[in-house]
Amino acid sequence: MATKDNSVSERVMAEASGENPFTPCELLQEIEPLLHTYFLGNFGWNGGALIGVFPNGQEFRISVEEIV
């Protein structure tokens, strides 16, 4: 017998599998607010990538490429 947590997870996964595909840019747009929440720094867009500049001087480019 499945537990309540397992049945909820299975239902959520089944629903998610029917969602429309999304673009790499849309995925980054979903990730961006999390960066603002969990990291101290400045974040912005440069082309199709997110750029993060941190108080210690480090800079990162975050990009996403779909694997097909």
N, C-alpha and C. Protein backbone atom coordinates (compact mmCIF):
# COMPACT_ATOMS: atom_id res chain seq x y z
N MET A 1 0.84 -1.18 0.00
CA MET A 1 0.00 0.00 0.00
C MET A 1 0.88 1.24 0.00
N ALA A 2 0.61 2.17 -0.88
CA ALA A 2 1.40 3.39 -0.99
C ALA A 2 1.03 4.34 0.14
N THR A 3 2.04 5.05 0.62
CA THR A 3 1.77 6.04 1.65
C THR A 3 1.17 7.28 1.00
N LYS A 4 0.62 8.15 1.82
CA LYS A 4 0.02 9.36 1.29
C LYS A 4 1.05 10.19 0.53
N ASP A 5 2.29 10.31 1.08
CA ASP A 5 3.32 11.09 0.41
C ASP A 5 3.66 10.51 -0.95
N ASN A 6 3.75 9.19 -1.06
CA ASN A 6 4.07 8.57 -2.34
C ASN A 6 2.96 8.80 -3.35
N SER A 7 1.71 8.67 -2.93
CA SER A 7 0.61 8.85 -3.87
C SER A 7 0.52 10.29 -4.33
N VAL A 8 0.81 11.25 -3.45
CA VAL A 8 0.81 12.66 -3.85
C VAL A 8 1.94 12.90 -4.83
N SER A 9 3.13 12.38 -4.55
CA SER A 9 4.27 12.55 -5.45
C SER A 9 3.99 11.94 -6.81
N GLU A 10 3.41 10.77 -6.84
CA GLU A 10 3.09 10.12 -8.10
C GLU A 10 2.07 10.93 -8.89
N ARG A 11 1.10 11.48 -8.20
CA ARG A 11 0.07 12.29 -8.86
C ARG A 11 0.69 13.57 -9.43
N VAL A 12 1.53 14.20 -8.64
CA VAL A 12 2.17 15.44 -9.10
C VAL A 12 3.07 15.15 -10.30
N MET A 13 3.82 14.07 -10.26
CA MET A 13 4.69 13.71 -11.38
C MET A 13 3.87 13.41 -12.62
N ALA A 14 2.75 12.74 -12.46
CA ALA A 14 1.88 12.42 -13.60
C ALA A 14 1.33 13.70 -14.22
N GLU A 15 0.94 14.65 -13.39
CA GLU A 15 0.43 15.93 -13.90
C GLU A 15 1.54 16.71 -14.60
N ALA A 16 2.72 16.73 -14.02
CA ALA A 16 3.84 17.48 -14.59
C ALA A 16 4.28 16.90 -15.93
N SER A 17 4.15 15.61 -16.10
CA SER A 17 4.59 14.99 -17.35
C SER A 17 3.71 15.43 -18.52
N GLY A 18 2.54 15.98 -18.25
CA GLY A 18 1.66 16.44 -19.31
C GLY A 18 1.81 17.92 -19.64
N GLU A 19 2.74 18.61 -18.95
CA GLU A 19 2.92 20.04 -19.21
C GLU A 19 3.57 20.27 -20.57
N ASN A 20 3.33 21.44 -21.12
CA ASN A 20 3.96 21.81 -22.38
C ASN A 20 5.47 21.99 -22.18
N PRO A 21 6.26 21.71 -23.21
CA PRO A 21 7.70 21.95 -23.11
C PRO A 21 7.99 23.43 -22.86
N PHE A 22 9.12 23.70 -22.23
CA PHE A 22 9.53 25.08 -21.99
C PHE A 22 10.93 25.28 -22.55
N THR A 23 11.27 26.52 -22.80
CA THR A 23 12.56 26.84 -23.40
C THR A 23 13.64 26.97 -22.33
N PRO A 24 14.91 26.90 -22.73
CA PRO A 24 15.98 27.14 -21.76
C PRO A 24 15.86 28.51 -21.08
N CYS A 25 15.46 29.52 -21.85
CA CYS A 25 15.29 30.85 -21.27
C CYS A 25 14.19 30.87 -20.21
N GLU A 26 13.10 30.18 -20.48
CA GLU A 26 12.01 30.11 -19.50
C GLU A 26 12.47 29.40 -18.22
N LEU A 27 13.31 28.39 -18.35
CA LEU A 27 13.84 27.71 -17.17
C LEU A 27 14.71 28.66 -16.35
N LEU A 28 15.56 29.43 -17.02
CA LEU A 28 16.39 30.41 -16.31
C LEU A 28 15.54 31.47 -15.63
N GLN A 29 14.45 31.86 -16.28
CA GLN A 29 13.55 32.85 -15.67
C GLN A 29 12.93 32.32 -14.39
N GLU A 30 12.72 31.02 -14.31
CA GLU A 30 12.19 30.41 -13.10
C GLU A 30 13.26 30.31 -12.01
N ILE A 31 14.51 30.15 -12.42
CA ILE A 31 15.62 30.01 -11.47
C ILE A 31 16.05 31.36 -10.90
N GLU A 32 15.94 32.41 -11.70
CA GLU A 32 16.45 33.73 -11.28
C GLU A 32 15.95 34.20 -9.91
N PRO A 33 14.65 34.12 -9.61
CA PRO A 33 14.20 34.57 -8.29
C PRO A 33 14.84 33.80 -7.13
N LEU A 34 15.16 32.53 -7.37
CA LEU A 34 15.81 31.74 -6.33
C LEU A 34 17.21 32.28 -6.03
N LEU A 35 17.92 32.72 -7.06
CA LEU A 35 19.24 33.30 -6.85
C LEU A 35 19.15 34.54 -5.98
N HIS A 36 18.16 35.40 -6.25
CA HIS A 36 17.97 36.61 -5.46
C HIS A 36 17.63 36.26 -4.00
N THR A 37 16.92 35.17 -3.80
CA THR A 37 16.51 34.77 -2.46
C THR A 37 17.66 34.16 -1.66
N TYR A 38 18.48 33.34 -2.30
CA TYR A 38 19.48 32.56 -1.57
C TYR A 38 20.90 33.09 -1.65
N PHE A 39 21.17 34.07 -2.51
CA PHE A 39 22.53 34.57 -2.67
C PHE A 39 22.55 36.08 -2.60
N LEU A 40 23.61 36.61 -2.00
CA LEU A 40 23.82 38.05 -1.96
C LEU A 40 24.69 38.42 -3.15
N GLY A 41 24.18 39.24 -4.02
CA GLY A 41 24.92 39.65 -5.21
C GLY A 41 23.99 40.35 -6.18
N ASN A 42 24.54 40.70 -7.31
CA ASN A 42 23.76 41.34 -8.37
C ASN A 42 23.60 40.36 -9.51
N PHE A 43 22.38 40.26 -10.00
CA PHE A 43 22.07 39.32 -11.07
C PHE A 43 21.39 40.05 -12.20
N GLY A 44 21.76 39.70 -13.41
CA GLY A 44 21.15 40.31 -14.58
C GLY A 44 21.32 39.42 -15.79
N TRP A 45 20.75 39.86 -16.89
CA TRP A 45 20.75 39.08 -18.13
C TRP A 45 21.79 39.62 -19.09
N ASN A 46 22.45 38.69 -19.77
CA ASN A 46 23.37 39.03 -20.85
C ASN A 46 23.11 38.02 -21.96
N GLY A 47 22.35 38.44 -22.95
CA GLY A 47 21.95 37.50 -23.99
C GLY A 47 21.03 36.47 -23.38
N GLY A 48 21.33 35.20 -23.59
CA GLY A 48 20.51 34.12 -23.04
C GLY A 48 21.05 33.56 -21.74
N ALA A 49 21.90 34.31 -21.05
CA ALA A 49 22.50 33.81 -19.81
C ALA A 49 22.25 34.77 -18.66
N LEU A 50 22.22 34.21 -17.47
CA LEU A 50 22.17 35.01 -16.25
C LEU A 50 23.60 35.27 -15.80
N ILE A 51 23.88 36.49 -15.40
CA ILE A 51 25.19 36.83 -14.88
C ILE A 51 25.03 37.15 -13.40
N GLY A 52 25.88 36.54 -12.58
CA GLY A 52 25.87 36.82 -11.15
C GLY A 52 27.20 37.41 -10.74
N VAL A 53 27.15 38.55 -10.04
CA VAL A 53 28.35 39.20 -9.52
C VAL A 53 28.20 39.24 -8.01
N PHE A 54 29.17 38.65 -7.32
CA PHE A 54 29.08 38.49 -5.87
C PHE A 54 29.98 39.48 -5.15
N PRO A 55 29.68 39.78 -3.88
CA PRO A 55 30.44 40.78 -3.13
C PRO A 55 31.94 40.48 -3.06
N ASN A 56 32.34 39.22 -3.16
CA ASN A 56 33.76 38.88 -3.08
C ASN A 56 34.47 39.04 -4.42
N GLY A 57 33.76 39.54 -5.43
CA GLY A 57 34.35 39.78 -6.73
C GLY A 57 34.16 38.67 -7.75
N GLN A 58 33.67 37.53 -7.33
CA GLN A 58 33.44 36.44 -8.28
C GLN A 58 32.29 36.77 -9.21
N GLU A 59 32.42 36.32 -10.45
CA GLU A 59 31.37 36.50 -11.45
C GLU A 59 31.10 35.17 -12.11
N PHE A 60 29.82 34.88 -12.34
CA PHE A 60 29.42 33.63 -12.96
C PHE A 60 28.41 33.90 -14.07
N ARG A 61 28.50 33.10 -15.11
CA ARG A 61 27.51 33.10 -16.18
C ARG A 61 26.76 31.77 -16.06
N ILE A 62 25.44 31.84 -15.96
CA ILE A 62 24.62 30.64 -15.84
C ILE A 62 23.78 30.54 -17.11
N SER A 63 23.99 29.45 -17.82
CA SER A 63 23.21 29.24 -19.04
C SER A 63 22.65 27.83 -19.02
N VAL A 64 21.63 27.64 -19.85
CA VAL A 64 20.95 26.36 -19.93
C VAL A 64 20.87 25.95 -21.39
N GLU A 65 21.17 24.69 -21.64
CA GLU A 65 21.05 24.12 -22.98
C GLU A 65 20.27 22.83 -22.86
N GLU A 66 19.24 22.72 -23.66
CA GLU A 66 18.43 21.50 -23.64
C GLU A 66 19.20 20.34 -24.27
N ILE A 67 19.12 19.19 -23.64
CA ILE A 67 19.71 17.97 -24.17
C ILE A 67 18.63 17.24 -24.93
N VAL A 68 18.84 17.06 -26.23
CA VAL A 68 17.82 16.38 -27.03
C VAL A 68 18.39 15.13 -27.67
